Amino acid sequence: MNFKSSTTIAVFACIAGAATANADIIFSDDFESGLGQWTGKNGGAHQGILVNDPLDNSNTALSFSGLASAGDLFTADPILLDPNQSYRISFDYLGLAQAKSRLDDTGGYVGFSVDMPGLHKWKWATGNVSGASDVLIDDGQWNSYQYDFTAADLGIGNSVRLMLEDFVGSAGRPGDAFFDNFQISTVPTPGAIALLGMGGLIATRRRR
């Protein structure tokens, strides 16, 4: 392998490693170990339930036994956001319309709230109520989503809770909205990635 090829591979490898090393996971739940990280309104009951994935019986997913508004399921612990940091949320959503469900709006809503409930911001959903972005596809298949955000984007403060519901105003039916594999992490800064990438380039040249 010539020197140029070796350097290129090293740089790309270090960039990939930098992205991983500098992305701190601050929340994660794949719903395989219960709902211990979640709570209901005012720390009480909620309608979130764990069910067998309707498309894969070996997997567990989150659904809801009833419809709600102003949030149904909240992270039990607040998520502290650095105002100078960008964050990335990823999750999977399955909209599986049942009898009398609205085919293009099964009601899955994802947002953030200061309390349980409280000042809140809906972000990504199968509809656009309360300013949510109508981006979640309910086509009977799992779809994966990833979005970057900052505390300023939310506009509700730096201590927030992830908030989910099967929205009562969607005209869907309980049990037609499913979530899985939530993760919130920091986004590596471009400068940090470039710096570590350059470190890999220097190290490769020294080994030559």
N, C-alpha and C. Protein backbone atom coordinates (compact mmCIF):
# COMPACT_ATOMS: atom_id res chain seq x y z
N MET A 1 0.85 -1.19 0.00
CA MET A 1 0.00 0.00 0.00
C MET A 1 0.89 1.24 0.00
N ASN A 2 0.65 2.23 -0.86
CA ASN A 2 1.50 3.40 -0.91
C ASN A 2 1.17 4.37 0.21
N PHE A 3 2.02 5.36 0.39
CA PHE A 3 1.89 6.28 1.51
C PHE A 3 0.59 7.07 1.45
N LYS A 4 0.20 7.53 0.26
CA LYS A 4 -1.01 8.33 0.13
C LYS A 4 -2.23 7.55 0.57
N SER A 5 -2.35 6.30 0.16
CA SER A 5 -3.50 5.49 0.54
C SER A 5 -3.53 5.27 2.05
N SER A 6 -2.37 4.99 2.63
CA SER A 6 -2.30 4.77 4.07
C SER A 6 -2.75 6.00 4.83
N THR A 7 -2.31 7.18 4.37
CA THR A 7 -2.68 8.41 5.04
C THR A 7 -4.17 8.66 4.95
N THR A 8 -4.74 8.45 3.78
CA THR A 8 -6.17 8.69 3.58
C THR A 8 -6.99 7.81 4.50
N ILE A 9 -6.66 6.54 4.57
CA ILE A 9 -7.41 5.61 5.43
C ILE A 9 -7.28 6.03 6.88
N ALA A 10 -6.07 6.42 7.29
CA ALA A 10 -5.86 6.81 8.68
C ALA A 10 -6.69 8.03 9.04
N VAL A 11 -6.73 9.01 8.13
CA VAL A 11 -7.50 10.22 8.39
C VAL A 11 -8.97 9.90 8.53
N PHE A 12 -9.53 9.13 7.59
CA PHE A 12 -10.93 8.78 7.67
C PHE A 12 -11.23 7.98 8.92
N ALA A 13 -10.36 7.07 9.28
CA ALA A 13 -10.56 6.26 10.48
C ALA A 13 -10.56 7.14 11.71
N CYS A 14 -9.66 8.11 11.78
CA CYS A 14 -9.58 8.99 12.94
C CYS A 14 -10.78 9.92 13.00
N ILE A 15 -11.25 10.39 11.84
CA ILE A 15 -12.45 11.22 11.83
C ILE A 15 -13.64 10.44 12.36
N ALA A 16 -13.80 9.20 11.89
CA ALA A 16 -14.90 8.37 12.38
C ALA A 16 -14.75 8.12 13.88
N GLY A 17 -13.51 7.87 14.30
CA GLY A 17 -13.28 7.65 15.72
C GLY A 17 -13.54 8.90 16.54
N ALA A 18 -13.21 10.04 15.98
CA ALA A 18 -13.46 11.30 16.69
C ALA A 18 -14.93 11.52 16.91
N ALA A 19 -15.73 11.23 15.88
CA ALA A 19 -17.17 11.42 16.00
C ALA A 19 -17.73 10.56 17.12
N THR A 20 -17.22 9.33 17.21
CA THR A 20 -17.71 8.42 18.24
C THR A 20 -17.20 8.82 19.61
N ALA A 21 -15.90 9.14 19.68
CA ALA A 21 -15.29 9.43 20.97
C ALA A 21 -15.84 10.70 21.60
N ASN A 22 -16.22 11.69 20.80
CA ASN A 22 -16.66 12.97 21.32
C ASN A 22 -18.18 13.07 21.43
N ALA A 23 -18.91 12.07 21.02
CA ALA A 23 -20.36 12.07 21.14
C ALA A 23 -20.74 11.37 22.44
N ASP A 24 -21.08 12.15 23.46
CA ASP A 24 -21.46 11.59 24.75
C ASP A 24 -22.95 11.27 24.75
N ILE A 25 -23.29 10.04 25.05
CA ILE A 25 -24.69 9.64 25.14
C ILE A 25 -25.23 10.10 26.49
N ILE A 26 -26.28 10.91 26.47
CA ILE A 26 -26.84 11.41 27.71
C ILE A 26 -28.19 10.77 28.05
N PHE A 27 -28.78 10.08 27.09
CA PHE A 27 -29.99 9.30 27.37
C PHE A 27 -30.12 8.21 26.32
N SER A 28 -30.54 7.02 26.75
CA SER A 28 -30.73 5.91 25.82
C SER A 28 -31.72 4.93 26.40
N ASP A 29 -32.64 4.43 25.59
CA ASP A 29 -33.57 3.40 26.02
C ASP A 29 -34.08 2.64 24.80
N ASP A 30 -33.88 1.31 24.83
CA ASP A 30 -34.39 0.46 23.76
C ASP A 30 -35.61 -0.34 24.22
N PHE A 31 -36.12 -0.04 25.41
CA PHE A 31 -37.35 -0.62 25.95
C PHE A 31 -37.27 -2.14 26.16
N GLU A 32 -36.05 -2.64 26.30
CA GLU A 32 -35.89 -4.06 26.57
C GLU A 32 -35.81 -4.36 28.08
N SER A 33 -35.78 -3.31 28.89
CA SER A 33 -35.60 -3.51 30.34
C SER A 33 -36.65 -2.76 31.15
N GLY A 34 -37.86 -2.68 30.65
CA GLY A 34 -38.92 -2.02 31.39
C GLY A 34 -39.00 -0.53 31.10
N LEU A 35 -39.81 0.15 31.92
CA LEU A 35 -40.04 1.59 31.76
C LEU A 35 -39.53 2.36 32.96
N GLY A 36 -38.45 1.86 33.55
CA GLY A 36 -37.90 2.49 34.75
C GLY A 36 -37.37 3.89 34.54
N GLN A 37 -37.07 4.26 33.30
CA GLN A 37 -36.55 5.60 33.02
C GLN A 37 -37.65 6.61 32.73
N TRP A 38 -38.90 6.18 32.87
CA TRP A 38 -40.03 7.01 32.47
C TRP A 38 -41.03 7.15 33.60
N THR A 39 -41.86 8.19 33.49
CA THR A 39 -42.94 8.38 34.45
C THR A 39 -44.10 9.08 33.74
N GLY A 40 -45.23 9.18 34.44
CA GLY A 40 -46.40 9.83 33.87
C GLY A 40 -46.53 11.27 34.34
N LYS A 41 -47.67 11.85 34.08
CA LYS A 41 -47.91 13.24 34.46
C LYS A 41 -47.77 13.41 35.97
N ASN A 42 -47.05 14.45 36.35
CA ASN A 42 -46.81 14.75 37.76
C ASN A 42 -46.22 13.57 38.51
N GLY A 43 -45.45 12.74 37.80
CA GLY A 43 -44.82 11.59 38.43
C GLY A 43 -45.76 10.45 38.71
N GLY A 44 -46.95 10.47 38.10
CA GLY A 44 -47.95 9.44 38.38
C GLY A 44 -48.12 8.44 37.25
N ALA A 45 -49.36 8.01 37.08
CA ALA A 45 -49.67 6.97 36.11
C ALA A 45 -49.53 7.49 34.68
N HIS A 46 -49.32 6.56 33.77
CA HIS A 46 -49.24 6.88 32.35
C HIS A 46 -49.84 5.72 31.56
N GLN A 47 -49.96 5.93 30.26
CA GLN A 47 -50.55 4.91 29.40
C GLN A 47 -49.53 4.24 28.49
N GLY A 48 -48.25 4.47 28.77
CA GLY A 48 -47.21 3.79 28.02
C GLY A 48 -47.14 2.33 28.40
N ILE A 49 -47.03 1.45 27.42
CA ILE A 49 -46.95 0.02 27.66
C ILE A 49 -45.87 -0.59 26.76
N LEU A 50 -45.24 -1.64 27.27
CA LEU A 50 -44.29 -2.38 26.46
C LEU A 50 -44.99 -3.56 25.81
N VAL A 51 -44.79 -3.72 24.52
CA VAL A 51 -45.47 -4.75 23.75
C VAL A 51 -44.47 -5.45 22.84
N ASN A 52 -44.83 -6.63 22.39
CA ASN A 52 -44.04 -7.28 21.35
C ASN A 52 -44.13 -6.46 20.08
N ASP A 53 -43.00 -6.23 19.47
CA ASP A 53 -42.95 -5.55 18.19
C ASP A 53 -43.86 -6.30 17.22
N PRO A 54 -44.88 -5.64 16.66
CA PRO A 54 -45.80 -6.34 15.76
C PRO A 54 -45.15 -6.86 14.48
N LEU A 55 -43.94 -6.38 14.17
CA LEU A 55 -43.23 -6.85 12.98
C LEU A 55 -42.07 -7.78 13.31
N ASP A 56 -41.79 -7.93 14.62
CA ASP A 56 -40.67 -8.78 15.05
C ASP A 56 -40.90 -9.19 16.50
N ASN A 57 -41.41 -10.40 16.72
CA ASN A 57 -41.76 -10.84 18.06
C ASN A 57 -40.57 -10.93 19.01
N SER A 58 -39.35 -10.92 18.48
CA SER A 58 -38.18 -11.00 19.35
C SER A 58 -37.80 -9.64 19.93
N ASN A 59 -38.48 -8.59 19.50
CA ASN A 59 -38.16 -7.23 19.93
C ASN A 59 -39.30 -6.66 20.77
N THR A 60 -38.94 -5.81 21.73
CA THR A 60 -39.93 -5.10 22.55
C THR A 60 -39.96 -3.64 22.14
N ALA A 61 -41.16 -3.08 22.07
CA ALA A 61 -41.31 -1.68 21.68
C ALA A 61 -42.29 -1.00 22.63
N LEU A 62 -42.31 0.32 22.57
CA LEU A 62 -43.23 1.12 23.36
C LEU A 62 -44.48 1.43 22.56
N SER A 63 -45.64 1.24 23.18
CA SER A 63 -46.89 1.69 22.60
C SER A 63 -47.71 2.33 23.72
N PHE A 64 -48.99 2.61 23.46
CA PHE A 64 -49.82 3.29 24.43
C PHE A 64 -51.19 2.62 24.50
N SER A 65 -51.70 2.50 25.72
CA SER A 65 -53.01 1.89 25.93
C SER A 65 -54.14 2.90 25.82
N GLY A 66 -53.79 4.17 25.71
CA GLY A 66 -54.79 5.22 25.58
C GLY A 66 -54.21 6.43 24.90
N LEU A 67 -55.09 7.35 24.51
CA LEU A 67 -54.67 8.58 23.85
C LEU A 67 -54.52 9.69 24.88
N ALA A 68 -53.73 10.70 24.56
CA ALA A 68 -53.43 11.75 25.53
C ALA A 68 -53.17 13.06 24.82
N SER A 69 -53.03 14.11 25.63
CA SER A 69 -52.58 15.42 25.16
C SER A 69 -51.72 16.03 26.27
N ALA A 70 -50.91 17.01 25.91
CA ALA A 70 -49.97 17.64 26.85
C ALA A 70 -49.00 16.64 27.46
N GLY A 71 -48.72 15.59 26.73
CA GLY A 71 -47.75 14.60 27.18
C GLY A 71 -48.37 13.46 27.95
N ASP A 72 -47.82 12.28 27.78
CA ASP A 72 -48.27 11.09 28.49
C ASP A 72 -47.11 10.44 29.24
N LEU A 73 -45.98 10.30 28.56
CA LEU A 73 -44.80 9.63 29.12
C LEU A 73 -43.64 10.62 29.12
N PHE A 74 -42.97 10.77 30.28
CA PHE A 74 -41.89 11.73 30.44
C PHE A 74 -40.67 11.00 31.01
N THR A 75 -39.47 11.41 30.61
CA THR A 75 -38.29 10.85 31.26
C THR A 75 -38.33 11.24 32.74
N ALA A 76 -38.06 10.25 33.59
CA ALA A 76 -38.15 10.48 35.04
C ALA A 76 -37.13 11.50 35.51
N ASP A 77 -35.95 11.47 34.91
CA ASP A 77 -34.89 12.41 35.28
C ASP A 77 -34.77 13.51 34.22
N PRO A 78 -34.56 14.73 34.66
CA PRO A 78 -34.36 15.82 33.69
C PRO A 78 -33.09 15.58 32.87
N ILE A 79 -33.10 16.09 31.66
CA ILE A 79 -31.95 16.06 30.77
C ILE A 79 -31.37 17.47 30.75
N LEU A 80 -30.12 17.61 31.21
CA LEU A 80 -29.49 18.92 31.31
C LEU A 80 -28.78 19.24 30.00
N LEU A 81 -29.15 20.35 29.39
CA LEU A 81 -28.59 20.76 28.11
C LEU A 81 -27.65 21.93 28.29
N ASP A 82 -26.47 21.81 27.72
CA ASP A 82 -25.51 22.90 27.69
C ASP A 82 -25.93 23.87 26.58
N PRO A 83 -26.17 25.14 26.88
CA PRO A 83 -26.61 26.08 25.84
C PRO A 83 -25.60 26.27 24.72
N ASN A 84 -24.36 25.87 24.94
CA ASN A 84 -23.33 26.01 23.90
C ASN A 84 -23.08 24.71 23.14
N GLN A 85 -23.91 23.71 23.37
CA GLN A 85 -23.71 22.39 22.79
C GLN A 85 -24.88 22.02 21.88
N SER A 86 -24.59 21.35 20.78
CA SER A 86 -25.64 20.78 19.93
C SER A 86 -25.86 19.32 20.32
N TYR A 87 -27.09 18.88 20.15
CA TYR A 87 -27.47 17.52 20.54
C TYR A 87 -28.13 16.81 19.36
N ARG A 88 -28.08 15.49 19.42
CA ARG A 88 -28.68 14.67 18.36
C ARG A 88 -29.60 13.65 18.99
N ILE A 89 -30.84 13.60 18.53
CA ILE A 89 -31.78 12.60 18.98
C ILE A 89 -32.04 11.63 17.83
N SER A 90 -32.09 10.35 18.16
CA SER A 90 -32.45 9.34 17.16
C SER A 90 -33.46 8.40 17.78
N PHE A 91 -34.36 7.88 16.96
CA PHE A 91 -35.38 6.95 17.43
C PHE A 91 -36.03 6.29 16.23
N ASP A 92 -36.78 5.23 16.51
CA ASP A 92 -37.55 4.52 15.48
C ASP A 92 -39.02 4.70 15.75
N TYR A 93 -39.80 4.83 14.68
CA TYR A 93 -41.26 4.96 14.82
C TYR A 93 -41.97 4.06 13.84
N LEU A 94 -43.00 3.40 14.35
CA LEU A 94 -43.87 2.56 13.52
C LEU A 94 -45.30 3.02 13.71
N GLY A 95 -45.93 3.46 12.63
CA GLY A 95 -47.34 3.79 12.64
C GLY A 95 -48.10 2.66 11.95
N LEU A 96 -48.89 1.95 12.72
CA LEU A 96 -49.57 0.76 12.20
C LEU A 96 -51.07 0.98 12.34
N ALA A 97 -51.67 1.52 11.30
CA ALA A 97 -53.08 1.88 11.37
C ALA A 97 -53.96 0.66 11.61
N GLN A 98 -54.89 0.80 12.54
CA GLN A 98 -55.86 -0.24 12.85
C GLN A 98 -57.22 0.22 12.37
N ALA A 99 -58.22 -0.58 12.66
CA ALA A 99 -59.58 -0.19 12.28
C ALA A 99 -59.92 1.16 12.89
N LYS A 100 -60.37 2.06 12.07
CA LYS A 100 -60.78 3.41 12.44
C LYS A 100 -59.62 4.34 12.73
N SER A 101 -58.38 3.87 12.57
CA SER A 101 -57.25 4.79 12.68
C SER A 101 -57.19 5.68 11.44
N ARG A 102 -56.75 6.90 11.61
CA ARG A 102 -56.52 7.76 10.47
C ARG A 102 -55.25 7.28 9.78
N LEU A 103 -55.33 6.95 8.52
CA LEU A 103 -54.23 6.30 7.82
C LEU A 103 -52.97 7.14 7.77
N ASP A 104 -53.10 8.47 7.73
CA ASP A 104 -51.91 9.31 7.59
C ASP A 104 -51.56 10.04 8.89
N ASP A 105 -52.13 9.63 10.01
CA ASP A 105 -51.83 10.29 11.28
C ASP A 105 -52.18 9.36 12.43
N THR A 106 -51.25 8.47 12.78
CA THR A 106 -51.51 7.52 13.86
C THR A 106 -51.24 8.12 15.24
N GLY A 107 -50.73 9.34 15.30
CA GLY A 107 -50.72 10.06 16.57
C GLY A 107 -49.44 10.07 17.37
N GLY A 108 -48.34 9.54 16.85
CA GLY A 108 -47.09 9.56 17.58
C GLY A 108 -46.51 10.97 17.66
N TYR A 109 -46.22 11.44 18.87
CA TYR A 109 -45.66 12.78 19.07
C TYR A 109 -44.44 12.69 19.98
N VAL A 110 -43.38 13.43 19.62
CA VAL A 110 -42.14 13.48 20.38
C VAL A 110 -41.81 14.95 20.65
N GLY A 111 -41.52 15.26 21.91
CA GLY A 111 -41.18 16.63 22.25
C GLY A 111 -40.41 16.70 23.55
N PHE A 112 -40.31 17.90 24.09
CA PHE A 112 -39.59 18.13 25.35
C PHE A 112 -40.45 19.00 26.25
N SER A 113 -40.36 18.75 27.54
CA SER A 113 -41.14 19.50 28.51
C SER A 113 -40.25 19.88 29.69
N VAL A 114 -40.52 21.03 30.30
CA VAL A 114 -39.79 21.43 31.48
C VAL A 114 -40.20 20.59 32.68
N ASP A 115 -41.48 20.28 32.76
CA ASP A 115 -41.97 19.47 33.87
C ASP A 115 -42.88 18.39 33.32
N MET A 116 -43.82 17.89 34.15
CA MET A 116 -44.60 16.70 33.77
C MET A 116 -46.11 16.91 34.04
N PRO A 117 -46.85 17.67 33.31
CA PRO A 117 -46.42 18.49 32.16
C PRO A 117 -45.96 19.86 32.64
N GLY A 118 -45.72 20.72 31.71
CA GLY A 118 -45.29 22.09 32.00
C GLY A 118 -45.03 22.77 30.68
N LEU A 119 -44.27 23.83 30.71
CA LEU A 119 -43.87 24.49 29.48
C LEU A 119 -43.21 23.45 28.58
N HIS A 120 -43.71 23.31 27.35
CA HIS A 120 -43.19 22.23 26.51
C HIS A 120 -43.14 22.64 25.04
N LYS A 121 -42.45 21.80 24.28
CA LYS A 121 -42.27 22.05 22.85
C LYS A 121 -42.38 20.71 22.12
N TRP A 122 -43.43 20.54 21.32
CA TRP A 122 -43.52 19.35 20.47
C TRP A 122 -42.64 19.56 19.25
N LYS A 123 -41.90 18.53 18.87
CA LYS A 123 -40.93 18.68 17.80
C LYS A 123 -41.23 17.83 16.56
N TRP A 124 -41.42 16.52 16.73
CA TRP A 124 -41.54 15.61 15.60
C TRP A 124 -42.75 14.72 15.81
N ALA A 125 -43.59 14.61 14.78
CA ALA A 125 -44.87 13.93 14.98
C ALA A 125 -45.46 13.46 13.65
N THR A 126 -46.62 12.81 13.76
CA THR A 126 -47.37 12.45 12.56
C THR A 126 -48.38 13.54 12.19
N GLY A 127 -48.32 14.64 12.89
CA GLY A 127 -49.17 15.79 12.60
C GLY A 127 -48.42 17.06 12.94
N ASN A 128 -49.11 18.20 12.89
CA ASN A 128 -48.45 19.48 13.13
C ASN A 128 -49.11 20.29 14.24
N VAL A 129 -49.83 19.62 15.13
CA VAL A 129 -50.47 20.32 16.24
C VAL A 129 -49.41 20.89 17.18
N SER A 130 -49.67 22.07 17.71
CA SER A 130 -48.78 22.75 18.67
C SER A 130 -47.37 22.96 18.10
N GLY A 131 -47.29 23.18 16.81
CA GLY A 131 -46.01 23.52 16.19
C GLY A 131 -45.11 22.36 15.86
N ALA A 132 -45.57 21.12 16.04
CA ALA A 132 -44.75 19.96 15.71
C ALA A 132 -44.49 19.89 14.21
N SER A 133 -43.37 19.29 13.84
CA SER A 133 -43.08 19.03 12.43
C SER A 133 -43.70 17.70 12.04
N ASP A 134 -44.49 17.72 10.99
CA ASP A 134 -45.19 16.53 10.52
C ASP A 134 -44.22 15.69 9.69
N VAL A 135 -43.37 14.92 10.37
CA VAL A 135 -42.30 14.21 9.68
C VAL A 135 -42.32 12.69 9.91
N LEU A 136 -43.08 12.22 10.87
CA LEU A 136 -43.08 10.78 11.17
C LEU A 136 -44.01 10.05 10.20
N ILE A 137 -43.46 9.05 9.54
CA ILE A 137 -44.20 8.30 8.52
C ILE A 137 -44.93 7.14 9.18
N ASP A 138 -46.19 6.98 8.86
CA ASP A 138 -46.94 5.84 9.40
C ASP A 138 -47.42 4.97 8.24
N ASP A 139 -46.45 4.23 7.70
CA ASP A 139 -46.71 3.41 6.52
C ASP A 139 -46.71 1.92 6.83
N GLY A 140 -46.83 1.57 8.11
CA GLY A 140 -46.84 0.15 8.48
C GLY A 140 -45.47 -0.47 8.58
N GLN A 141 -44.41 0.36 8.49
CA GLN A 141 -43.04 -0.13 8.60
C GLN A 141 -42.29 0.72 9.63
N TRP A 142 -41.27 0.13 10.22
CA TRP A 142 -40.40 0.91 11.09
C TRP A 142 -39.59 1.89 10.24
N ASN A 143 -39.53 3.13 10.69
CA ASN A 143 -38.69 4.14 10.06
C ASN A 143 -37.81 4.76 11.13
N SER A 144 -36.55 5.03 10.78
CA SER A 144 -35.59 5.59 11.72
C SER A 144 -35.42 7.08 11.46
N TYR A 145 -35.25 7.84 12.55
CA TYR A 145 -35.15 9.29 12.46
C TYR A 145 -33.97 9.79 13.27
N GLN A 146 -33.39 10.89 12.82
CA GLN A 146 -32.27 11.51 13.51
C GLN A 146 -32.33 13.02 13.29
N TYR A 147 -32.33 13.78 14.38
CA TYR A 147 -32.43 15.23 14.28
C TYR A 147 -31.46 15.88 15.25
N ASP A 148 -30.88 17.00 14.82
CA ASP A 148 -30.02 17.79 15.69
C ASP A 148 -30.81 18.96 16.25
N PHE A 149 -30.49 19.33 17.49
CA PHE A 149 -31.20 20.44 18.12
C PHE A 149 -30.30 21.06 19.19
N THR A 150 -30.68 22.23 19.64
CA THR A 150 -30.00 22.91 20.75
C THR A 150 -31.05 23.34 21.77
N ALA A 151 -30.58 23.76 22.93
CA ALA A 151 -31.50 24.27 23.94
C ALA A 151 -32.26 25.48 23.40
N ALA A 152 -31.57 26.31 22.60
CA ALA A 152 -32.23 27.48 22.02
C ALA A 152 -33.33 27.08 21.06
N ASP A 153 -33.14 25.99 20.33
CA ASP A 153 -34.18 25.52 19.41
C ASP A 153 -35.46 25.17 20.18
N LEU A 154 -35.29 24.59 21.36
CA LEU A 154 -36.46 24.21 22.16
C LEU A 154 -37.11 25.44 22.77
N GLY A 155 -36.28 26.37 23.25
CA GLY A 155 -36.81 27.62 23.77
C GLY A 155 -37.57 27.49 25.07
N ILE A 156 -37.28 26.44 25.85
CA ILE A 156 -38.01 26.25 27.11
C ILE A 156 -37.06 26.10 28.30
N GLY A 157 -35.77 26.30 28.08
CA GLY A 157 -34.83 26.19 29.17
C GLY A 157 -33.78 25.12 28.92
N ASN A 158 -32.90 24.96 29.89
CA ASN A 158 -31.78 24.04 29.75
C ASN A 158 -31.96 22.73 30.51
N SER A 159 -33.04 22.60 31.26
CA SER A 159 -33.34 21.36 31.97
C SER A 159 -34.70 20.87 31.47
N VAL A 160 -34.68 19.79 30.70
CA VAL A 160 -35.91 19.35 30.03
C VAL A 160 -36.10 17.85 30.21
N ARG A 161 -37.29 17.40 29.88
CA ARG A 161 -37.60 15.97 29.88
C ARG A 161 -38.11 15.59 28.50
N LEU A 162 -37.66 14.47 27.99
CA LEU A 162 -38.21 13.94 26.75
C LEU A 162 -39.66 13.56 27.01
N MET A 163 -40.54 13.85 26.09
CA MET A 163 -41.98 13.70 26.28
C MET A 163 -42.60 13.00 25.07
N LEU A 164 -43.41 11.98 25.33
CA LEU A 164 -44.03 11.20 24.26
C LEU A 164 -45.52 11.07 24.50
N GLU A 165 -46.25 10.82 23.42
CA GLU A 165 -47.68 10.51 23.57
C GLU A 165 -48.22 9.95 22.27
N ASP A 166 -49.39 9.32 22.39
CA ASP A 166 -50.24 8.99 21.25
C ASP A 166 -51.36 10.02 21.30
N PHE A 167 -51.31 11.02 20.46
CA PHE A 167 -52.11 12.23 20.57
C PHE A 167 -53.60 11.97 20.34
N VAL A 168 -54.40 12.45 21.28
CA VAL A 168 -55.84 12.24 21.22
C VAL A 168 -56.48 12.94 20.02
N GLY A 169 -55.90 14.04 19.58
CA GLY A 169 -56.46 14.80 18.46
C GLY A 169 -56.12 14.25 17.10
N SER A 170 -55.39 13.15 17.04
CA SER A 170 -54.99 12.59 15.75
C SER A 170 -56.08 11.74 15.11
N ALA A 171 -57.10 11.39 15.89
CA ALA A 171 -58.15 10.47 15.44
C ALA A 171 -57.60 9.08 15.18
N GLY A 172 -56.44 8.79 15.75
CA GLY A 172 -55.92 7.43 15.71
C GLY A 172 -56.58 6.60 16.80
N ARG A 173 -56.03 5.43 17.04
CA ARG A 173 -56.56 4.53 18.06
C ARG A 173 -55.43 4.08 18.97
N PRO A 174 -55.70 3.85 20.23
CA PRO A 174 -54.64 3.34 21.11
C PRO A 174 -54.03 2.07 20.53
N GLY A 175 -52.72 2.00 20.59
CA GLY A 175 -52.04 0.81 20.10
C GLY A 175 -51.64 0.86 18.64
N ASP A 176 -51.78 2.02 17.98
CA ASP A 176 -51.37 2.09 16.57
C ASP A 176 -50.08 2.88 16.39
N ALA A 177 -49.50 3.37 17.49
CA ALA A 177 -48.24 4.13 17.45
C ALA A 177 -47.20 3.39 18.29
N PHE A 178 -46.00 3.21 17.73
CA PHE A 178 -44.93 2.46 18.41
C PHE A 178 -43.62 3.24 18.30
N PHE A 179 -42.86 3.23 19.40
CA PHE A 179 -41.54 3.85 19.44
C PHE A 179 -40.50 2.84 19.89
N ASP A 180 -39.25 3.06 19.48
CA ASP A 180 -38.16 2.20 19.93
C ASP A 180 -36.83 2.95 19.78
N ASN A 181 -35.84 2.49 20.55
CA ASN A 181 -34.43 2.87 20.36
C ASN A 181 -34.18 4.38 20.42
N PHE A 182 -34.60 4.99 21.52
CA PHE A 182 -34.31 6.41 21.72
C PHE A 182 -32.87 6.59 22.17
N GLN A 183 -32.23 7.59 21.63
CA GLN A 183 -30.90 7.98 22.09
C GLN A 183 -30.71 9.48 21.88
N ILE A 184 -30.19 10.14 22.90
CA ILE A 184 -29.82 11.55 22.81
C ILE A 184 -28.34 11.64 23.13
N SER A 185 -27.58 12.28 22.27
CA SER A 185 -26.14 12.40 22.46
C SER A 185 -25.69 13.79 22.06
N THR A 186 -24.51 14.15 22.50
CA THR A 186 -23.92 15.40 22.06
C THR A 186 -23.43 15.25 20.62
N VAL A 187 -23.35 16.35 19.92
CA VAL A 187 -22.83 16.36 18.55
C VAL A 187 -21.39 16.85 18.59
N PRO A 188 -20.45 16.06 18.10
CA PRO A 188 -19.05 16.50 18.09
C PRO A 188 -18.90 17.79 17.29
N THR A 189 -18.08 18.69 17.78
CA THR A 189 -17.84 19.93 17.05
C THR A 189 -16.93 19.66 15.86
N PRO A 190 -17.12 20.36 14.75
CA PRO A 190 -16.26 20.15 13.58
C PRO A 190 -14.79 20.34 13.90
N GLY A 191 -14.47 21.29 14.79
CA GLY A 191 -13.08 21.54 15.14
C GLY A 191 -12.44 20.35 15.82
N ALA A 192 -13.20 19.67 16.71
CA ALA A 192 -12.66 18.52 17.43
C ALA A 192 -12.39 17.37 16.47
N ILE A 193 -13.31 17.16 15.52
CA ILE A 193 -13.12 16.09 14.54
C ILE A 193 -11.91 16.38 13.66
N ALA A 194 -11.79 17.62 13.21
CA ALA A 194 -10.66 17.98 12.35
C ALA A 194 -9.34 17.83 13.09
N LEU A 195 -9.33 18.22 14.37
CA LEU A 195 -8.11 18.14 15.15
C LEU A 195 -7.65 16.70 15.32
N LEU A 196 -8.60 15.80 15.67
CA LEU A 196 -8.23 14.40 15.83
C LEU A 196 -7.86 13.77 14.50
N GLY A 197 -8.52 14.21 13.43
CA GLY A 197 -8.16 13.70 12.11
C GLY A 197 -6.73 14.10 11.75
N MET A 198 -6.35 15.32 12.06
CA MET A 198 -4.99 15.76 11.80
C MET A 198 -4.00 14.99 12.66
N GLY A 199 -4.41 14.66 13.89
CA GLY A 199 -3.55 13.86 14.75
C GLY A 199 -3.26 12.51 14.13
N GLY A 200 -4.27 11.93 13.47
CA GLY A 200 -4.06 10.64 12.81
C GLY A 200 -3.12 10.78 11.62
N LEU A 201 -3.22 11.92 10.91
CA LEU A 201 -2.34 12.17 9.77
C LEU A 201 -0.88 12.28 10.23
N ILE A 202 -0.67 13.04 11.31
CA ILE A 202 0.68 13.21 11.84
C ILE A 202 1.26 11.89 12.32
N ALA A 203 0.41 11.11 13.04
CA ALA A 203 0.89 9.83 13.57
C ALA A 203 1.27 8.90 12.43
N THR A 204 0.50 8.93 11.34
CA THR A 204 0.80 8.05 10.20
C THR A 204 2.12 8.45 9.57
N ARG A 205 2.35 9.75 9.42
CA ARG A 205 3.60 10.22 8.81
C ARG A 205 4.81 9.82 9.67
N ARG A 206 4.62 9.86 10.98
CA ARG A 206 5.75 9.53 11.87
C ARG A 206 6.09 8.05 11.78
N ARG A 207 5.08 7.23 11.53
CA ARG A 207 5.34 5.79 11.43
C ARG A 207 5.99 5.43 10.10
N ARG A 208 5.86 6.32 9.12
CA ARG A 208 6.37 6.03 7.76
C ARG A 208 7.87 5.89 7.79
